[in-house]
N, C-alpha and C. Protein backbone atom coordinates (compact mmCIF):
# COMPACT_ATOMS: atom_id res chain seq x y z
N MET A 1 -12.87 14.25 -11.12
CA MET A 1 -12.35 13.82 -9.84
C MET A 1 -12.13 15.07 -8.98
N LYS A 2 -12.53 14.97 -7.73
CA LYS A 2 -12.38 16.10 -6.82
C LYS A 2 -10.91 16.30 -6.49
N ASP A 3 -10.57 17.53 -6.17
CA ASP A 3 -9.17 17.89 -5.92
C ASP A 3 -8.57 17.11 -4.76
N TYR A 4 -9.33 16.93 -3.68
CA TYR A 4 -8.78 16.25 -2.52
C TYR A 4 -8.52 14.76 -2.82
N ILE A 5 -9.33 14.17 -3.66
CA ILE A 5 -9.09 12.77 -4.04
C ILE A 5 -7.85 12.67 -4.92
N TYR A 6 -7.76 13.58 -5.86
CA TYR A 6 -6.59 13.64 -6.75
C TYR A 6 -5.30 13.75 -5.92
N GLN A 7 -5.30 14.65 -4.95
CA GLN A 7 -4.11 14.84 -4.11
C GLN A 7 -3.85 13.62 -3.24
N ARG A 8 -4.90 13.00 -2.70
CA ARG A 8 -4.73 11.81 -1.87
C ARG A 8 -4.10 10.66 -2.68
N VAL A 9 -4.53 10.52 -3.92
CA VAL A 9 -3.98 9.47 -4.78
C VAL A 9 -2.48 9.67 -4.95
N LEU A 10 -2.07 10.89 -5.25
CA LEU A 10 -0.65 11.17 -5.43
C LEU A 10 0.13 11.01 -4.13
N ASP A 11 -0.45 11.46 -3.02
CA ASP A 11 0.23 11.35 -1.73
C ASP A 11 0.41 9.89 -1.30
N THR A 12 -0.62 9.08 -1.49
CA THR A 12 -0.50 7.67 -1.11
C THR A 12 0.50 6.94 -2.00
N ALA A 13 0.52 7.27 -3.27
CA ALA A 13 1.46 6.63 -4.19
C ALA A 13 2.90 6.99 -3.81
N GLU A 14 3.15 8.25 -3.51
CA GLU A 14 4.49 8.67 -3.09
C GLU A 14 4.90 8.00 -1.79
N TYR A 15 3.96 7.89 -0.85
CA TYR A 15 4.26 7.25 0.43
C TYR A 15 4.64 5.78 0.23
N ILE A 16 3.90 5.09 -0.61
CA ILE A 16 4.20 3.69 -0.88
C ILE A 16 5.59 3.54 -1.49
N LEU A 17 5.94 4.41 -2.42
CA LEU A 17 7.25 4.34 -3.05
C LEU A 17 8.38 4.67 -2.08
N GLN A 18 8.22 5.71 -1.31
CA GLN A 18 9.29 6.15 -0.41
C GLN A 18 9.55 5.18 0.73
N ASN A 19 8.49 4.51 1.20
CA ASN A 19 8.61 3.67 2.38
C ASN A 19 8.48 2.17 2.10
N ASN A 20 8.32 1.80 0.83
CA ASN A 20 8.04 0.40 0.49
C ASN A 20 6.87 -0.12 1.32
N ALA A 21 5.88 0.72 1.48
CA ALA A 21 4.77 0.45 2.39
C ALA A 21 3.75 -0.50 1.77
N THR A 22 3.08 -1.22 2.64
CA THR A 22 1.98 -2.08 2.22
C THR A 22 0.71 -1.25 2.16
N VAL A 23 -0.33 -1.82 1.60
CA VAL A 23 -1.63 -1.15 1.54
C VAL A 23 -2.12 -0.88 2.96
N ARG A 24 -1.93 -1.83 3.85
CA ARG A 24 -2.38 -1.69 5.23
C ARG A 24 -1.65 -0.55 5.94
N GLN A 25 -0.34 -0.48 5.78
CA GLN A 25 0.44 0.59 6.40
C GLN A 25 0.02 1.96 5.85
N THR A 26 -0.20 2.02 4.55
CA THR A 26 -0.60 3.27 3.92
C THR A 26 -1.98 3.70 4.40
N ALA A 27 -2.89 2.76 4.51
CA ALA A 27 -4.24 3.08 4.98
C ALA A 27 -4.19 3.64 6.40
N LYS A 28 -3.38 3.05 7.23
CA LYS A 28 -3.25 3.52 8.61
C LYS A 28 -2.66 4.93 8.65
N LYS A 29 -1.66 5.18 7.83
CA LYS A 29 -1.00 6.49 7.79
C LYS A 29 -1.96 7.59 7.36
N PHE A 30 -2.80 7.33 6.35
CA PHE A 30 -3.68 8.35 5.80
C PHE A 30 -5.10 8.28 6.37
N CYS A 31 -5.33 7.40 7.35
CA CYS A 31 -6.63 7.27 8.02
C CYS A 31 -7.77 7.02 7.03
N VAL A 32 -7.53 6.10 6.10
CA VAL A 32 -8.57 5.67 5.17
C VAL A 32 -8.57 4.14 5.17
N SER A 33 -9.55 3.56 4.51
CA SER A 33 -9.63 2.10 4.49
C SER A 33 -8.64 1.51 3.49
N LYS A 34 -8.36 0.22 3.67
CA LYS A 34 -7.48 -0.48 2.73
C LYS A 34 -8.11 -0.49 1.33
N SER A 35 -9.41 -0.59 1.27
CA SER A 35 -10.11 -0.59 -0.01
C SER A 35 -9.90 0.73 -0.75
N THR A 36 -9.92 1.82 0.00
CA THR A 36 -9.71 3.14 -0.60
C THR A 36 -8.30 3.26 -1.16
N VAL A 37 -7.31 2.82 -0.39
CA VAL A 37 -5.92 2.87 -0.85
C VAL A 37 -5.76 2.02 -2.10
N HIS A 38 -6.32 0.82 -2.07
CA HIS A 38 -6.20 -0.07 -3.21
C HIS A 38 -6.85 0.54 -4.45
N LYS A 39 -8.04 1.10 -4.29
CA LYS A 39 -8.74 1.74 -5.41
C LYS A 39 -7.93 2.93 -5.95
N ASP A 40 -7.35 3.70 -5.02
CA ASP A 40 -6.56 4.86 -5.43
C ASP A 40 -5.36 4.47 -6.26
N VAL A 41 -4.59 3.50 -5.78
CA VAL A 41 -3.32 3.19 -6.46
C VAL A 41 -3.46 2.20 -7.60
N SER A 42 -4.55 1.46 -7.64
CA SER A 42 -4.68 0.50 -8.74
C SER A 42 -5.60 0.97 -9.85
N ASP A 43 -6.54 1.85 -9.55
CA ASP A 43 -7.46 2.34 -10.58
C ASP A 43 -7.23 3.81 -10.92
N ARG A 44 -7.36 4.65 -9.93
CA ARG A 44 -7.30 6.09 -10.18
C ARG A 44 -5.92 6.56 -10.61
N LEU A 45 -4.88 6.02 -10.02
CA LEU A 45 -3.52 6.46 -10.32
C LEU A 45 -3.18 6.22 -11.79
N PHE A 46 -3.71 5.17 -12.37
CA PHE A 46 -3.44 4.86 -13.78
C PHE A 46 -3.82 6.03 -14.69
N PHE A 47 -4.92 6.68 -14.39
CA PHE A 47 -5.39 7.79 -15.23
C PHE A 47 -4.71 9.11 -14.89
N ILE A 48 -4.09 9.19 -13.72
CA ILE A 48 -3.43 10.43 -13.30
C ILE A 48 -1.98 10.46 -13.76
N ASP A 49 -1.24 9.38 -13.46
CA ASP A 49 0.20 9.35 -13.77
C ASP A 49 0.61 7.91 -14.02
N LYS A 50 0.75 7.54 -15.28
CA LYS A 50 1.02 6.14 -15.64
C LYS A 50 2.40 5.68 -15.21
N THR A 51 3.39 6.56 -15.24
CA THR A 51 4.74 6.13 -14.83
C THR A 51 4.77 5.88 -13.32
N LEU A 52 4.11 6.73 -12.55
CA LEU A 52 4.03 6.52 -11.10
C LEU A 52 3.25 5.25 -10.80
N TYR A 53 2.20 5.01 -11.57
CA TYR A 53 1.40 3.79 -11.42
C TYR A 53 2.27 2.54 -11.60
N GLU A 54 3.12 2.54 -12.62
CA GLU A 54 3.99 1.38 -12.87
C GLU A 54 4.97 1.15 -11.71
N LYS A 55 5.50 2.22 -11.15
CA LYS A 55 6.44 2.10 -10.03
C LYS A 55 5.74 1.55 -8.79
N VAL A 56 4.55 2.06 -8.51
CA VAL A 56 3.78 1.60 -7.34
C VAL A 56 3.37 0.15 -7.53
N LYS A 57 3.02 -0.21 -8.74
CA LYS A 57 2.60 -1.58 -9.04
C LYS A 57 3.72 -2.57 -8.71
N ILE A 58 4.96 -2.19 -9.00
CA ILE A 58 6.11 -3.05 -8.69
C ILE A 58 6.23 -3.27 -7.19
N VAL A 59 6.09 -2.20 -6.41
CA VAL A 59 6.19 -2.30 -4.95
C VAL A 59 5.05 -3.16 -4.40
N LEU A 60 3.84 -2.94 -4.88
CA LEU A 60 2.70 -3.71 -4.38
C LEU A 60 2.81 -5.19 -4.76
N ASN A 61 3.31 -5.49 -5.94
CA ASN A 61 3.50 -6.89 -6.33
C ASN A 61 4.57 -7.56 -5.47
N LYS A 62 5.62 -6.82 -5.14
CA LYS A 62 6.67 -7.36 -4.26
C LYS A 62 6.09 -7.64 -2.87
N ASN A 63 5.28 -6.71 -2.37
CA ASN A 63 4.66 -6.91 -1.06
C ASN A 63 3.71 -8.10 -1.07
N MET A 64 2.99 -8.28 -2.17
CA MET A 64 2.08 -9.40 -2.26
C MET A 64 2.84 -10.73 -2.29
N ALA A 65 3.97 -10.73 -2.94
CA ALA A 65 4.77 -11.96 -3.02
C ALA A 65 5.39 -12.30 -1.67
N GLU A 66 5.63 -11.31 -0.83
CA GLU A 66 6.29 -11.54 0.46
C GLU A 66 5.31 -11.68 1.62
N ARG A 67 4.03 -11.49 1.40
CA ARG A 67 3.10 -11.44 2.53
C ARG A 67 3.02 -12.74 3.31
N HIS A 68 3.17 -13.87 2.65
CA HIS A 68 3.11 -15.14 3.38
C HIS A 68 4.30 -15.28 4.32
N ILE A 69 5.42 -14.70 3.96
CA ILE A 69 6.60 -14.74 4.82
C ILE A 69 6.38 -13.86 6.06
N ARG A 70 5.86 -12.65 5.84
CA ARG A 70 5.58 -11.76 6.98
C ARG A 70 4.55 -12.37 7.91
N GLY A 71 3.57 -13.05 7.35
CA GLY A 71 2.56 -13.71 8.18
C GLY A 71 3.15 -14.82 9.01
N GLY A 72 4.06 -15.58 8.43
CA GLY A 72 4.72 -16.65 9.17
C GLY A 72 5.58 -16.11 10.30
N ILE A 73 6.27 -15.01 10.05
CA ILE A 73 7.10 -14.39 11.08
C ILE A 73 6.23 -13.86 12.22
N ALA A 74 5.10 -13.26 11.88
CA ALA A 74 4.19 -12.74 12.89
C ALA A 74 3.63 -13.87 13.76
N THR A 75 3.28 -14.98 13.13
CA THR A 75 2.78 -16.12 13.89
C THR A 75 3.85 -16.70 14.79
N LYS A 76 5.07 -16.81 14.29
CA LYS A 76 6.18 -17.31 15.09
C LYS A 76 6.41 -16.42 16.30
N ASN A 77 6.41 -15.12 16.10
CA ASN A 77 6.62 -14.20 17.21
C ASN A 77 5.48 -14.25 18.21
N LYS A 78 4.27 -14.45 17.73
CA LYS A 78 3.10 -14.55 18.62
C LYS A 78 3.26 -15.72 19.57
N PHE A 79 3.62 -16.87 19.04
CA PHE A 79 3.73 -18.06 19.88
C PHE A 79 5.01 -18.03 20.72
N LYS A 80 6.01 -17.33 20.26
CA LYS A 80 7.24 -17.19 21.03
C LYS A 80 6.99 -16.40 22.31
N THR A 81 6.16 -15.35 22.22
CA THR A 81 5.88 -14.52 23.39
C THR A 81 4.89 -15.20 24.33
N GLN A 82 4.06 -16.11 23.84
CA GLN A 82 3.10 -16.81 24.69
C GLN A 82 3.76 -17.90 25.52
N ALA A 83 4.84 -18.45 25.05
CA ALA A 83 5.47 -19.58 25.74
C ALA A 83 6.28 -19.15 26.94
């Protein structure tokens, strides 16, 4: 693995933990695609740091469980501003 990829994996994982960030927020912050962030934290991170991987996995699972709520709030706000 190239050094810059190794460092990006660690940086994105730390960002997700510190900010409770979603994959989308992390991708925007690091100017990479959501697919890249997902690949970094779900595949590559496992081989780099397993304890960090487990912590990030908890945050991502929480975000996945809450995403339908955030989507509903976004839709509500969209129609609230249109009316």
